[in-house]
Protein backbone atom coordinates (compact mmCIF):
# COMPACT_ATOMS: atom_id res chain seq x y z
CA MET A 1 80.92 78.36 105.24
CA THR A 2 82.07 74.87 104.32
CA GLU A 3 84.35 72.64 106.37
CA ARG A 4 87.15 73.07 103.84
CA ILE A 5 86.91 76.85 104.02
CA ALA A 6 86.98 76.68 107.82
CA ARG A 7 90.09 74.49 107.68
CA THR A 8 91.72 76.91 105.24
CA GLU A 9 91.04 79.89 107.48
CA ALA A 10 92.50 78.04 110.47
CA PHE A 11 95.59 77.10 108.43
CA LEU A 12 96.08 80.69 107.27
CA ARG A 13 95.76 82.05 110.80
CA GLU A 14 98.33 79.58 112.12
CA LYS A 15 100.79 80.19 109.30
CA LEU A 16 100.69 83.97 109.66
CA LYS A 17 101.47 83.57 113.36
CA GLU A 18 104.85 82.17 112.28
CA SER A 19 105.91 85.51 110.81
CA PRO A 20 108.76 87.12 112.79
CA TYR A 21 107.72 90.52 111.43
CA PHE A 22 104.09 90.12 112.46
CA ALA A 23 105.21 89.06 115.93
CA GLU A 24 106.75 92.53 116.32
CA HIS A 25 104.10 94.34 114.27
CA PRO A 26 100.75 92.70 115.07
CA GLU A 27 98.86 95.46 113.27
CA ALA A 28 100.55 94.41 110.01
CA GLY A 29 99.59 90.80 110.63
CA ALA A 30 96.00 91.83 111.29
CA TYR A 31 95.93 93.79 108.03
CA ARG A 32 97.29 90.83 106.02
CA LEU A 33 94.63 88.53 107.47
CA GLU A 34 91.85 91.05 106.90
CA HIS A 35 93.05 91.64 103.32
CA SER A 36 92.98 87.89 102.68
CA PHE A 37 89.39 87.65 103.91
CA ARG A 38 88.34 90.56 101.69
CA VAL A 39 90.05 89.08 98.64
CA ALA A 40 88.33 85.75 99.32
CA ARG A 41 84.92 87.42 99.42
CA ILE A 42 85.63 89.38 96.24
CA GLY A 43 86.81 86.19 94.53
CA ALA A 44 83.68 84.35 95.66
CA ALA A 45 81.46 87.14 94.28
CA ILE A 46 83.22 86.96 90.90
CA ALA A 47 82.99 83.17 90.91
CA ARG A 48 79.28 83.32 91.67
CA ALA A 49 78.66 85.78 88.84
CA GLU A 50 80.74 83.76 86.37
CA GLY A 51 79.52 80.27 87.31
CA MET A 52 82.81 79.14 88.88
CA ASP A 53 83.15 77.09 92.04
CA GLU A 54 82.78 79.58 94.92
CA GLU A 55 84.26 77.28 97.56
CA LEU A 56 87.43 76.60 95.58
CA MET A 57 87.83 80.27 94.71
CA THR A 58 87.41 81.27 98.36
CA ILE A 59 90.07 78.76 99.41
CA ALA A 60 92.53 79.85 96.71
CA CYS A 61 92.08 83.53 97.53
CA LEU A 62 92.49 82.91 101.26
CA LEU A 63 95.88 81.35 100.54
CA HIS A 64 97.18 83.86 98.00
CA ASP A 65 99.36 85.68 100.57
CA VAL A 66 100.11 82.80 102.95
CA SER A 67 103.88 83.21 102.36
CA TYR A 68 103.76 86.34 104.50
CA CYS A 69 104.44 83.80 107.25
CA ARG A 70 108.07 84.23 106.16
CA ALA A 71 110.19 87.33 106.53
CA MET A 72 110.01 89.67 103.53
CA LEU A 73 113.70 90.54 103.50
CA ASP A 74 113.83 92.68 100.37
CA GLN A 75 111.99 93.67 97.18
CA ASP A 76 112.92 90.39 95.48
CA THR A 77 111.51 88.34 98.34
CA TRP A 78 108.32 90.36 98.24
CA LYS A 79 108.05 90.01 94.46
CA ASP A 80 108.39 86.24 94.85
CA HIS A 81 105.65 85.90 97.46
CA GLY A 82 103.06 84.59 95.01
CA ARG A 83 105.26 81.67 94.02
CA SER A 84 106.21 81.06 97.64
CA SER A 85 102.54 81.07 98.62
CA ALA A 86 101.78 78.47 95.95
CA HIS A 87 104.46 76.13 97.30
CA ILE A 88 103.20 76.52 100.88
CA ALA A 89 99.59 76.09 99.79
CA ARG A 90 100.04 72.91 97.76
CA PRO A 91 100.56 70.41 100.62
CA PHE A 92 97.63 71.92 102.48
CA LEU A 93 95.39 71.71 99.39
CA GLU A 94 96.40 68.08 98.96
CA SER A 95 95.24 67.45 102.53
CA LEU A 96 91.76 68.61 101.46
CA ASP A 97 91.60 65.67 99.01
CA LEU A 98 91.11 67.92 96.01
CA PRO A 99 91.82 66.59 92.50
CA GLU A 100 95.36 67.24 91.28
CA MET A 101 94.10 69.20 88.28
CA VAL A 102 92.14 71.51 90.59
CA ILE A 103 95.11 71.95 92.93
CA GLY A 104 97.34 72.79 89.98
CA GLU A 105 94.98 75.49 88.74
CA MET A 106 94.61 76.99 92.22
CA CYS A 107 98.37 77.01 92.82
CA TYR A 108 99.08 78.49 89.40
CA GLY A 109 96.68 81.35 90.08
CA ILE A 110 98.29 81.98 93.47
CA ALA A 111 101.79 81.86 91.96
CA ILE A 112 101.16 84.42 89.20
CA HIS A 113 99.15 86.91 91.22
CA VAL A 114 102.08 89.29 91.90
CA ASP A 115 104.02 89.51 88.64
CA ASP A 116 102.32 87.12 86.21
CA ALA A 117 105.08 84.53 86.54
CA ALA A 118 105.14 81.01 87.97
CA ASP A 119 108.03 78.61 88.50
CA PHE A 120 106.02 75.58 87.31
CA PRO A 121 103.87 74.91 84.24
CA GLY A 122 100.27 76.06 84.19
CA GLU A 123 97.57 77.86 82.26
CA ARG A 124 96.15 81.28 83.00
CA THR A 125 92.53 80.19 83.05
CA ALA A 126 89.70 82.50 84.07
CA PHE A 127 89.78 80.83 87.49
CA ALA A 128 93.53 81.37 87.91
CA GLY A 129 93.33 84.97 86.70
CA THR A 130 90.49 85.74 89.09
CA ILE A 131 92.79 85.31 92.09
CA GLN A 132 94.92 88.22 90.88
CA ASP A 133 91.82 90.15 89.87
CA ALA A 134 90.29 89.83 93.34
CA ASP A 135 93.56 90.91 94.93
CA ASN A 136 93.76 93.97 92.66
CA ILE A 137 90.16 94.95 93.31
CA ASP A 138 90.81 94.97 97.05
CA ARG A 139 94.03 96.95 96.49
CA PHE A 140 91.91 99.82 95.17
CA ASP A 141 89.38 100.46 97.89
CA VAL A 142 88.87 102.87 100.76
CA TYR A 143 91.36 101.43 103.25
CA ARG A 144 94.18 101.24 100.72
CA LEU A 145 93.46 104.83 99.73
CA TYR A 146 93.97 105.88 103.35
CA GLU A 147 97.02 103.65 103.68
CA THR A 148 98.63 105.09 100.56
CA LEU A 149 98.33 108.69 101.73
CA GLU A 150 99.47 107.84 105.25
CA ASN A 151 102.47 105.86 103.99
CA MET A 152 103.78 108.83 102.01
CA SER A 153 103.04 111.29 104.87
CA PHE A 154 100.71 113.23 102.60
CA SER A 155 99.59 115.59 105.38
CA LYS A 156 103.19 116.75 105.85
CA LEU A 157 103.76 117.70 102.22
CA SER A 158 103.68 121.27 101.01
CA LEU A 159 100.59 122.40 99.11
CA ALA A 160 102.52 122.37 95.84
CA GLU A 161 103.73 118.82 96.51
CA LYS A 162 100.21 117.69 97.33
CA ARG A 163 98.85 119.16 94.10
CA SER A 164 101.66 117.59 92.09
CA HIS A 165 100.99 114.19 93.67
CA VAL A 166 97.27 114.41 92.98
CA GLU A 167 97.75 115.27 89.30
CA ARG A 168 100.32 112.54 88.73
CA THR A 169 98.12 110.02 90.49
CA ARG A 170 95.10 110.94 88.38
CA GLN A 171 97.11 110.36 85.21
CA ARG A 172 98.32 107.01 86.53
CA LEU A 173 94.79 105.93 87.45
CA LYS A 174 93.49 106.75 83.97
CA GLU A 175 96.04 104.28 82.60
CA TYR A 176 94.71 101.60 84.94
CA LEU A 177 91.05 102.04 84.01
CA ASP A 178 91.11 99.76 80.96
CA LEU A 179 93.45 97.04 82.20
CA PRO A 180 92.36 93.56 81.02
CA PHE A 181 90.72 91.29 83.59
CA ALA A 182 89.85 87.62 83.39
CA THR A 183 86.07 88.01 83.53
CA ALA A 184 83.32 90.52 82.86
CA ALA A 185 82.36 90.51 86.55
CA ALA A 186 85.90 91.40 87.62
CA THR A 187 86.15 94.09 84.95
CA GLU A 188 82.97 95.74 86.21
CA LEU A 189 84.18 95.71 89.83
CA TRP A 190 87.60 97.06 88.79
CA GLN A 191 86.20 99.95 86.79
CA GLU A 192 83.92 100.82 89.69
CA ARG A 193 86.89 100.95 92.08
CA ILE A 194 89.11 102.97 89.74
CA GLY A 195 86.19 105.29 89.07
CA PHE A 196 85.90 105.86 92.80
CA TYR A 197 89.63 106.64 93.05
CA LEU A 198 89.47 109.03 90.12
CA ASP A 199 86.54 110.85 91.67
CA PHE A 200 88.32 111.07 95.03
CA TYR A 201 91.49 112.52 93.51
CA ARG A 202 89.50 114.88 91.28
CA ARG A 203 87.69 116.26 94.32
CA LEU A 204 90.90 116.38 96.34
CA GLY A 205 92.60 118.30 93.51
CA GLU A 206 89.73 120.79 93.40
CA GLN A 207 89.92 121.32 97.14
CA LEU A 208 93.68 121.85 97.01
CA ALA A 209 93.29 124.30 94.11
CA SER A 210 90.92 126.38 96.23
CA SER A 211 93.43 126.34 99.09
CA THR A 212 95.75 128.83 97.41
CA GLY A 213 95.95 132.50 98.33
CA PHE A 214 94.39 135.41 96.43
CA THR A 215 97.59 137.40 95.79
CA GLY A 216 99.04 135.04 93.21
CA GLU A 217 101.97 134.17 95.44
CA GLU A 218 102.25 130.38 95.32
CA GLU A 219 104.95 127.87 96.07
CA PRO A 220 106.80 126.72 92.94
CA VAL A 221 105.73 123.33 91.68
CA PRO A 222 108.55 120.91 92.59
CA THR A 223 110.23 118.94 89.84
CA GLU A 224 110.43 116.02 92.24
CA CYS A 225 107.96 115.19 94.95
CA PRO A 226 107.26 112.14 97.09
CA GLN A 227 105.34 109.41 95.31
CA PRO A 228 103.57 106.42 96.83
CA ASP A 229 105.13 102.98 96.82
CA SER A 230 103.95 101.24 93.63
CA ARG A 231 103.09 98.23 95.79
CA LEU A 232 100.41 100.41 97.38
CA LEU A 233 99.19 102.36 94.36
CA GLY A 234 99.74 99.89 91.55
CA PRO A 235 97.99 96.79 90.28
CA ALA A 236 99.52 93.36 90.82
CA GLY A 237 100.92 91.92 87.63
CA SER A 238 102.84 95.12 86.86
CA PHE A 239 105.77 94.60 89.19
């Protein structure tokens, strides 16, 4: 770990402590910090494979969600958190004595990571796109799978609702499989994660199908059933 990475981690920890929501929900603050560390490690792995600067990628990924230090009052505030993070990150990055061109690229990548939009000029370089890619790759892993099902109270749904959710989710995941990513390394990691999700939901669907009775009496399939928040089961850039 370099000195600049250590300073970035310390800055992130201190900023997240400012969050009024995290003060009341420390488990949410812990998750945000842990997510940031995972994204930074994923970003570093992609950078290493693609010949990018690992230290700079680690720093940018650590800061991608730093605006969670502020209250997320509504959907619009949440959707804007990439741009807000970029504005919070810039003065800190300047304190690291990084070149302005490098800071601009890092901030642009942070800004666009939620919905592909920034409020200042920039170019979606492979480096900038990797910040969003690393975030998305972490969004589709084991913990988020658990979190998604818990958030929608999956265990409390009827069997028919569970089966409907599983089938709809499988169709949604198939659409995600071939999404474009900034690098070959990120694409490989993404397809591995989506493949894992598809296999999980396939096996879950098979288990639910074998959970029905033998008399043919089944609950009717609901026309509407609870669906997970797209912020949990959706890639960044699509919001």
